[in-house]
Protein backbone atom coordinates (compact mmCIF):
# COMPACT_ATOMS: atom_id res chain seq x y z
CA MET A 1 0.00 0.00 0.00
CA THR A 2 1.33 3.37 -0.95
CA PHE A 3 1.34 6.46 1.21
CA LYS A 4 -1.35 7.99 -1.00
CA GLN A 5 -3.57 4.91 -0.60
CA LEU A 6 -3.06 5.03 3.14
CA LEU A 7 -4.11 8.67 3.27
CA GLU A 8 -7.18 7.90 1.15
CA ARG A 9 -8.17 5.07 3.49
CA ILE A 10 -7.74 7.33 6.50
CA ARG A 11 -9.79 10.05 4.81
CA ASP A 12 -12.53 7.58 3.89
CA ARG A 13 -12.58 6.26 7.46
CA LEU A 14 -12.82 9.78 8.88
CA ILE A 15 -15.68 10.63 6.53
CA HIS A 16 -17.46 7.43 7.48
CA ARG A 17 -16.98 8.08 11.23
CA SER A 18 -18.22 11.65 10.85
CA GLN A 19 -21.34 10.36 9.08
CA ILE A 20 -21.94 7.95 11.95
CA SER A 21 -21.49 10.76 14.46
CA LYS A 22 -23.94 12.98 12.58
CA GLU A 23 -26.52 10.20 12.47
CA LYS A 24 -26.10 9.61 16.21
CA LEU A 25 -26.56 13.31 16.88
CA ASP A 26 -29.68 13.37 14.70
CA ALA A 27 -31.00 10.33 16.59
CA ALA A 28 -30.35 12.06 19.93
CA PHE A 29 -32.34 15.12 18.78
CA LEU A 30 -35.17 12.89 17.60
CA ARG A 31 -35.12 11.03 20.94
CA ARG A 32 -35.38 14.36 22.79
CA GLU A 33 -38.27 15.46 20.57
CA LEU A 34 -40.03 12.10 21.05
CA ASP A 35 -39.53 12.30 24.82
CA GLY A 36 -41.12 15.75 24.81
CA LYS A 37 -44.10 14.58 22.77
CA LEU A 38 -44.56 11.54 25.02
CA ARG A 39 -44.45 13.86 28.04
CA ASP A 40 -47.07 16.10 26.41
CA LEU A 41 -49.22 13.06 25.62
CA GLY A 42 -48.92 11.77 29.17
CA GLU A 43 -49.73 15.13 30.70
CA GLY A 44 -52.71 15.55 28.40
CA TYR A 45 -53.98 12.08 29.21
CA ARG A 46 -53.47 12.64 32.95
CA TYR A 47 -55.39 15.90 32.76
CA GLN A 48 -58.27 14.22 30.91
CA VAL A 49 -58.47 11.39 33.44
CA ARG A 50 -58.12 13.58 36.48
CA TYR A 51 -60.22 16.60 35.58
CA SER A 52 -62.77 15.47 32.98
CA VAL A 53 -65.78 14.16 34.83
CA GLY A 54 -66.64 10.73 33.51
CA SER A 55 -65.28 11.26 30.02
CA ALA A 56 -61.92 9.49 30.27
CA ALA A 57 -61.56 6.02 31.70
CA VAL A 58 -58.20 4.56 32.66
CA PRO A 59 -57.38 1.27 30.92
CA ASP A 60 -56.50 -1.53 33.34
CA ALA A 61 -52.93 -1.64 32.00
CA LEU A 62 -52.41 2.00 33.07
CA SER A 63 -54.35 2.10 36.33
CA VAL A 64 -51.32 1.28 38.52
CA VAL A 65 -49.19 3.94 36.83
CA MET A 66 -52.00 6.48 37.06
CA ALA A 67 -52.40 5.77 40.78
CA GLU A 68 -48.64 6.28 41.23
CA VAL A 69 -48.82 9.58 39.33
CA VAL A 70 -51.66 10.80 41.56
CA GLU A 71 -49.72 9.76 44.67
CA LEU A 72 -46.58 11.57 43.48
CA GLU A 73 -48.57 14.69 42.62
CA GLU A 74 -50.06 14.70 46.11
CA LYS A 75 -46.62 14.24 47.71
CA LEU A 76 -45.20 17.05 45.56
CA GLU A 77 -48.06 19.37 46.52
CA SER A 78 -47.44 18.57 50.19
CA LYS A 79 -43.71 19.28 49.81
CA GLN A 80 -44.42 22.57 48.07
CA GLN A 81 -46.76 23.59 50.88
CA GLN A 82 -44.11 22.63 53.44
CA ILE A 83 -41.48 24.70 51.60
CA ALA A 84 -43.83 27.69 51.44
CA ARG A 85 -44.55 27.36 55.17
CA LEU A 86 -40.82 27.15 56.01
CA GLU A 87 -40.03 30.14 53.79
CA LYS A 88 -42.80 32.14 55.48
CA GLU A 89 -41.43 31.24 58.92
CA SER A 90 -37.95 32.22 57.78
CA ALA A 91 -39.21 35.61 56.57
CA ILE A 92 -40.95 36.26 59.90
CA GLU A 93 -37.78 35.47 61.87
CA SER A 94 -35.69 37.85 59.78
């Protein structure tokens, strides 16, 4: 193999690796976009189930997850209330 052939092989390999890297980057952006859409879908579904009276039933396969979501929302609300109470106490002491 000549020096020129070696350089051509290296160049071809670099081009190929850069194409792979670009495709991986594109896939990462698509994954992020998909994650966002799935989050939007989940939030929309949760809202429909939680706040639409009688119009959205939870399929059996999702009932456990929905119950966990409700429990986590309640815990988060409690934590936020506790933080607000502590911040209010801190402001009074100052």
